[in-house]
Amino acid sequence: MGFNVIKPGDNDPVMAGFEQEGYLVEFVHIASGKTCVFPAWITDFSDSYTSDWSTEKIFGRNDPIGSFSGTSRRISLGMNIPSFSVEEARQNLHQLEHLIAHLYPSYTTTDGVDTMSGYPLVKVKFGNLIKNARFRNNALNALKGGLTCWMDSVTFTPDLEAGFHHPSPEMSNADIEAYNTPYSVRQHAEGNGTLNRSHTFIPKTFQFSTTLNVVHEHKLGWRKQTWLGGVDPKAPGASAYPYGMEVLTGRVHYTAAGKGDNHPTLRTKVPPKEGEPTARELMKIYNNVLGEL
């Protein structure tokens, strides 16, 4: 995490190691710079690309005429957030509070009047699967390498079977402090606040889901065999859109009309080793086997 709010003894050391290797999802509220981070216990992930076409039917023509408008991208994300201790459970719930707050805009105040100054746009980062394709480096934080989006909603579902951490009024101050934020503990120690000793429910495990509407920060489309996302010399990695595997610009995948043969394009170029059957011979063997079944 960019902010180390959980002490080493309060979370699973295995999960801490996973987080160091990138098994986490980061959200940054662009206008405020506020960040929340979750371990990547992803239960639902889908990345949908939708082309918007309007069609018109012409008399005597079987196929409609299509008019292209644009292509939108929408990511659905669902996560299960477990906890190792009451301290981690409290921090997980607080991370969720920040995520929910990311749905709201920013304001400036002039003469006592609040005016909206920033939309609730967020940047989201999960390895190479949710990232800004302007950067080839996948080991960046969300502020630098996150994908800009807006969220339609956030749905929070506590796991009722796992239950809740619930403080008891008879607990000592040392035990009660685990159910309260460090800020509340400091305020109480200074005589300026109280600690919650009851009526507090912290889910041991919860799920949340959200939908991300993507706003790309680079061009999308083609100029001959060149992917426009990689034209900008300041963003050469954008040609490896969207998951950073390989650049789209180039002639490896290019098929020129009128050149070469008309056989289907094959992925495998390596010829068989001496003594091994060719693909055609293998197909004959398979067909003979299938014919005997």
Protein backbone atom coordinates (compact mmCIF):
# COMPACT_ATOMS: atom_id res chain seq x y z
CA MET A 1 0.00 0.00 0.00
CA GLY A 2 1.03 3.57 -0.47
CA PHE A 3 -0.16 4.17 3.11
CA ASN A 4 0.73 1.42 5.57
CA VAL A 5 -2.24 1.57 7.91
CA ILE A 6 -2.30 -2.09 8.98
CA LYS A 7 0.38 -3.31 11.36
CA PRO A 8 2.26 -6.49 10.34
CA GLY A 9 0.73 -8.56 13.13
CA ASP A 10 -2.84 -7.55 12.27
CA ASN A 11 -3.07 -9.14 8.82
CA ASP A 12 -2.24 -12.47 7.21
CA PRO A 13 1.47 -12.44 6.28
CA VAL A 14 0.71 -14.52 3.18
CA MET A 15 -1.78 -11.91 1.97
CA ALA A 16 0.71 -9.17 2.76
CA GLY A 17 3.17 -10.91 0.47
CA PHE A 18 0.56 -11.20 -2.27
CA GLU A 19 -0.14 -7.48 -2.01
CA GLN A 20 3.56 -6.75 -2.46
CA GLU A 21 3.39 -8.70 -5.74
CA GLY A 22 0.42 -6.75 -7.05
CA TYR A 23 -2.59 -8.66 -5.76
CA LEU A 24 -4.49 -5.50 -4.84
CA VAL A 25 -6.97 -3.08 -6.38
CA GLU A 26 -6.46 0.66 -5.93
CA PHE A 27 -8.97 3.49 -6.34
CA VAL A 28 -8.05 7.19 -6.38
CA HIS A 29 -10.59 10.03 -6.29
CA ILE A 30 -8.99 12.39 -8.81
CA ALA A 31 -10.38 15.67 -7.45
CA SER A 32 -9.39 15.05 -3.83
CA GLY A 33 -6.46 12.66 -4.27
CA LYS A 34 -7.98 10.32 -1.67
CA THR A 35 -7.05 6.65 -2.13
CA CYS A 36 -8.50 3.35 -1.01
CA VAL A 37 -6.90 -0.08 -1.45
CA PHE A 38 -8.32 -3.61 -1.26
CA PRO A 39 -6.71 -7.05 -1.43
CA ALA A 40 -7.50 -8.62 -4.80
CA TRP A 41 -10.03 -11.25 -3.73
CA ILE A 42 -11.92 -10.73 -6.97
CA THR A 43 -15.15 -12.69 -7.36
CA ASP A 44 -16.44 -11.06 -10.53
CA PHE A 45 -14.60 -9.37 -13.36
CA SER A 46 -15.77 -8.55 -16.86
CA ASP A 47 -14.44 -5.99 -19.33
CA SER A 48 -17.04 -5.16 -21.98
CA TYR A 49 -16.39 -3.25 -25.22
CA THR A 50 -19.54 -2.10 -27.00
CA SER A 51 -19.66 -0.57 -30.46
CA ASP A 52 -22.57 1.82 -30.97
CA TRP A 53 -24.13 1.62 -34.42
CA SER A 54 -27.33 3.15 -35.75
CA THR A 55 -28.99 1.24 -38.56
CA GLU A 56 -31.34 2.13 -41.36
CA LYS A 57 -33.43 -0.25 -43.43
CA ILE A 58 -33.67 0.53 -47.14
CA PHE A 59 -36.51 -0.76 -49.33
CA GLY A 60 -35.36 -3.72 -51.40
CA ARG A 61 -32.12 -4.19 -49.44
CA ASN A 62 -31.84 -7.17 -47.13
CA ASP A 63 -28.95 -5.91 -45.03
CA PRO A 64 -29.37 -2.69 -43.04
CA ILE A 65 -26.99 0.24 -43.54
CA GLY A 66 -24.92 0.86 -40.43
CA SER A 67 -23.58 4.18 -39.19
CA PHE A 68 -20.81 3.93 -36.58
CA SER A 69 -20.97 6.25 -33.57
CA GLY A 70 -18.27 5.03 -31.16
CA THR A 71 -17.03 2.23 -28.90
CA SER A 72 -17.48 2.37 -25.14
CA ARG A 73 -15.81 0.30 -22.46
CA ARG A 74 -17.37 -0.82 -19.21
CA ILE A 75 -15.80 -2.91 -16.43
CA SER A 76 -17.82 -4.83 -13.84
CA LEU A 77 -15.91 -5.63 -10.67
CA GLY A 78 -16.94 -7.67 -7.65
CA MET A 79 -14.73 -8.37 -4.63
CA ASN A 80 -14.81 -10.39 -1.43
CA ILE A 81 -12.92 -8.68 1.42
CA PRO A 82 -11.92 -10.98 4.32
CA SER A 83 -10.06 -9.98 7.46
CA PHE A 84 -7.43 -11.58 9.67
CA SER A 85 -8.14 -9.51 12.79
CA VAL A 86 -10.54 -6.92 14.14
CA GLU A 87 -7.98 -4.23 13.28
CA GLU A 88 -7.86 -5.33 9.65
CA ALA A 89 -11.65 -5.65 9.51
CA ARG A 90 -11.99 -2.07 10.79
CA GLN A 91 -9.52 -0.81 8.18
CA ASN A 92 -11.28 -2.75 5.42
CA LEU A 93 -14.57 -1.12 6.32
CA HIS A 94 -12.90 2.28 6.38
CA GLN A 95 -11.44 1.64 2.90
CA LEU A 96 -15.01 0.94 1.76
CA GLU A 97 -16.15 4.24 3.30
CA HIS A 98 -13.62 6.00 1.09
CA LEU A 99 -14.78 4.08 -1.99
CA ILE A 100 -18.38 5.12 -1.35
CA ALA A 101 -17.22 8.72 -0.85
CA HIS A 102 -15.55 8.50 -4.28
CA LEU A 103 -19.07 8.67 -5.77
CA TYR A 104 -19.39 12.33 -4.75
CA PRO A 105 -17.96 15.44 -6.43
CA SER A 106 -15.67 18.15 -5.06
CA TYR A 107 -16.76 21.68 -4.19
CA THR A 108 -15.24 25.09 -3.71
CA THR A 109 -16.75 27.61 -1.31
CA THR A 110 -17.13 31.26 -2.27
CA ASP A 111 -18.91 33.68 0.06
CA GLY A 112 -20.44 30.76 1.90
CA VAL A 113 -21.80 29.14 -1.28
CA ASP A 114 -20.58 25.66 -2.31
CA THR A 115 -20.09 25.24 -6.05
CA MET A 116 -19.18 21.93 -7.66
CA SER A 117 -15.61 22.13 -8.94
CA GLY A 118 -14.76 18.52 -9.83
CA TYR A 119 -16.66 15.52 -11.12
CA PRO A 120 -16.36 12.29 -9.11
CA LEU A 121 -13.95 10.67 -11.54
CA VAL A 122 -11.64 7.95 -10.22
CA LYS A 123 -8.51 6.17 -11.32
CA VAL A 124 -8.49 2.40 -10.84
CA LYS A 125 -5.51 0.04 -10.99
CA PHE A 126 -5.29 -3.74 -10.92
CA GLY A 127 -2.06 -5.10 -12.36
CA ASN A 128 -2.22 -5.08 -16.15
CA LEU A 129 -5.96 -5.84 -16.37
CA ILE A 130 -7.16 -2.42 -15.20
CA LYS A 131 -4.54 0.14 -16.16
CA ASN A 132 -3.80 3.20 -18.25
CA ALA A 133 -2.29 1.81 -21.47
CA ARG A 134 -0.11 4.92 -21.78
CA PHE A 135 2.36 3.15 -19.50
CA ARG A 136 4.04 -0.20 -20.23
CA ASN A 137 5.17 -0.53 -16.61
CA ASN A 138 2.49 -2.45 -14.70
CA ALA A 139 4.04 -1.80 -11.26
CA LEU A 140 2.66 1.73 -10.93
CA ASN A 141 0.18 3.08 -8.41
CA ALA A 142 -3.33 4.13 -9.39
CA LEU A 143 -2.55 7.85 -9.43
CA LYS A 144 0.18 7.34 -12.02
CA GLY A 145 -0.95 4.31 -13.99
CA GLY A 146 -4.65 3.95 -13.16
CA LEU A 147 -7.49 3.81 -15.66
CA THR A 148 -9.79 6.84 -15.45
CA CYS A 149 -13.46 5.96 -14.90
CA TRP A 150 -16.65 6.97 -13.23
CA MET A 151 -18.61 4.56 -11.07
CA ASP A 152 -22.33 4.04 -11.53
CA SER A 153 -22.80 2.59 -8.06
CA VAL A 154 -21.22 0.71 -5.18
CA THR A 155 -23.12 -2.20 -3.61
CA PHE A 156 -22.05 -3.30 -0.12
CA THR A 157 -23.05 -6.74 1.24
CA PRO A 158 -21.80 -7.94 4.65
CA ASP A 159 -21.28 -11.69 4.93
CA LEU A 160 -23.86 -12.53 7.58
CA GLU A 161 -22.67 -16.11 7.97
CA ALA A 162 -19.13 -14.96 8.79
CA GLY A 163 -20.60 -12.57 11.36
CA PHE A 164 -19.38 -9.33 12.89
CA HIS A 165 -16.79 -8.07 15.31
CA HIS A 166 -18.81 -6.49 18.13
CA PRO A 167 -17.26 -4.80 21.17
CA SER A 168 -18.48 -5.42 24.67
CA PRO A 169 -18.82 -2.59 27.23
CA GLU A 170 -16.89 -4.75 29.71
CA MET A 171 -13.77 -4.79 27.53
CA SER A 172 -10.65 -3.02 28.68
CA ASN A 173 -9.58 0.19 26.98
CA ALA A 174 -6.75 -1.70 25.26
CA ASP A 175 -9.23 -4.14 23.69
CA ILE A 176 -11.78 -1.45 22.88
CA GLU A 177 -9.17 0.56 20.99
CA ALA A 178 -9.07 -2.14 18.30
CA TYR A 179 -12.66 -1.23 17.39
CA ASN A 180 -11.90 2.48 17.11
CA THR A 181 -9.76 4.44 14.70
CA PRO A 182 -6.33 5.66 15.82
CA TYR A 183 -7.67 9.21 15.54
CA SER A 184 -10.51 8.43 17.97
CA VAL A 185 -8.06 6.77 20.34
CA ARG A 186 -5.80 9.85 20.32
CA GLN A 187 -8.74 12.17 20.84
CA HIS A 188 -9.93 10.08 23.77
CA ALA A 189 -6.47 10.03 25.31
CA GLU A 190 -6.42 13.83 25.09
CA GLY A 191 -9.83 14.08 26.71
CA ASN A 192 -11.51 15.35 23.55
CA GLY A 193 -13.59 12.36 22.51
CA THR A 194 -15.18 9.06 23.42
CA LEU A 195 -14.59 5.47 22.36
CA ASN A 196 -17.36 3.32 20.91
CA ARG A 197 -17.91 0.50 23.42
CA SER A 198 -21.15 -0.87 21.96
CA HIS A 199 -23.60 -0.50 19.07
CA THR A 200 -20.72 -1.06 16.66
CA PHE A 201 -20.74 -3.85 14.05
CA ILE A 202 -17.68 -4.50 11.91
CA PRO A 203 -18.18 -7.30 9.34
CA LYS A 204 -15.48 -9.95 9.39
CA THR A 205 -15.99 -10.41 5.65
CA PHE A 206 -17.96 -8.35 3.15
CA GLN A 207 -18.53 -8.15 -0.56
CA PHE A 208 -18.87 -5.12 -2.77
CA SER A 209 -19.43 -4.60 -6.45
CA THR A 210 -19.12 -1.62 -8.76
CA THR A 211 -19.28 -0.77 -12.45
CA LEU A 212 -16.58 1.35 -14.07
CA ASN A 213 -17.30 3.47 -17.13
CA VAL A 214 -13.91 4.02 -18.76
CA VAL A 215 -12.56 7.37 -19.98
CA HIS A 216 -9.35 6.68 -21.92
CA GLU A 217 -6.56 9.25 -21.78
CA HIS A 218 -5.13 8.39 -25.19
CA LYS A 219 -6.38 8.07 -28.75
CA LEU A 220 -8.21 4.96 -29.90
CA GLY A 221 -8.20 3.79 -33.51
CA TRP A 222 -5.99 3.11 -36.50
CA ARG A 223 -4.01 5.00 -39.12
CA LYS A 224 -3.14 2.29 -41.63
CA GLN A 225 -1.11 -0.24 -39.59
CA THR A 226 -0.39 2.23 -36.78
CA TRP A 227 -2.44 2.21 -33.59
CA LEU A 228 -3.16 5.85 -32.77
CA GLY A 229 -2.82 5.28 -29.05
CA GLY A 230 0.92 4.88 -29.49
CA VAL A 231 1.66 7.81 -31.78
CA ASP A 232 2.37 10.22 -28.94
CA PRO A 233 6.13 9.97 -28.23
CA LYS A 234 5.39 10.70 -24.57
CA ALA A 235 3.13 7.63 -24.44
CA PRO A 236 4.77 4.89 -26.56
CA GLY A 237 3.23 2.15 -24.46
CA ALA A 238 -0.33 3.03 -25.43
CA SER A 239 0.04 0.88 -28.53
CA ALA A 240 -0.06 -2.12 -26.16
CA TYR A 241 -3.73 -1.44 -25.48
CA PRO A 242 -5.56 -2.55 -23.39
CA TYR A 243 -3.69 -5.14 -21.28
CA GLY A 244 -0.05 -4.30 -22.01
CA MET A 245 0.83 -7.63 -23.64
CA GLU A 246 2.27 -6.44 -26.95
CA VAL A 247 2.24 -3.38 -29.16
CA LEU A 248 -0.55 -3.21 -31.74
CA THR A 249 1.48 -1.11 -34.18
CA GLY A 250 3.57 -3.13 -36.68
CA ARG A 251 3.24 -5.69 -39.44
CA VAL A 252 3.19 -8.97 -37.50
CA HIS A 253 -0.61 -9.20 -37.66
CA TYR A 254 -0.90 -7.37 -41.00
CA THR A 255 -2.48 -9.17 -43.94
CA ALA A 256 -1.92 -7.41 -47.26
CA ALA A 257 -4.51 -7.90 -49.99
CA GLY A 258 -3.18 -9.64 -53.10
CA LYS A 259 0.00 -10.87 -51.43
CA GLY A 260 0.89 -14.40 -50.39
CA ASP A 261 -1.45 -17.36 -50.61
CA ASN A 262 -5.10 -17.59 -49.68
CA HIS A 263 -4.69 -20.18 -46.95
CA PRO A 264 -5.99 -19.39 -43.45
CA THR A 265 -3.56 -17.59 -41.17
CA LEU A 266 -1.81 -19.93 -38.73
CA ARG A 267 -0.52 -19.03 -35.28
CA THR A 268 2.24 -21.65 -35.20
CA LYS A 269 5.22 -21.15 -37.46
CA VAL A 270 7.69 -23.69 -36.04
CA PRO A 271 8.00 -26.77 -38.33
CA PRO A 272 7.82 -30.25 -36.77
CA LYS A 273 11.07 -31.86 -35.71
CA GLU A 274 12.54 -34.62 -37.84
CA GLY A 275 10.68 -37.85 -37.31
CA GLU A 276 7.59 -36.17 -35.81
CA PRO A 277 4.30 -36.27 -37.73
CA THR A 278 3.10 -33.15 -39.47
CA ALA A 279 -0.20 -31.50 -38.53
CA ARG A 280 -1.86 -33.09 -41.56
CA GLU A 281 -0.59 -36.54 -40.58
CA LEU A 282 -1.79 -35.99 -37.02
CA MET A 283 -5.26 -35.12 -38.29
CA LYS A 284 -5.36 -38.38 -40.25
CA ILE A 285 -4.41 -40.29 -37.08
CA TYR A 286 -7.07 -38.50 -35.03
CA ASN A 287 -9.73 -39.14 -37.69
CA ASN A 288 -8.85 -42.84 -37.77
CA VAL A 289 -9.11 -43.03 -33.98
CA LEU A 290 -12.44 -41.19 -33.95
CA GLY A 291 -13.74 -43.47 -36.68
CA GLU A 292 -13.05 -46.51 -34.51
CA LEU A 293 -14.97 -45.15 -31.49
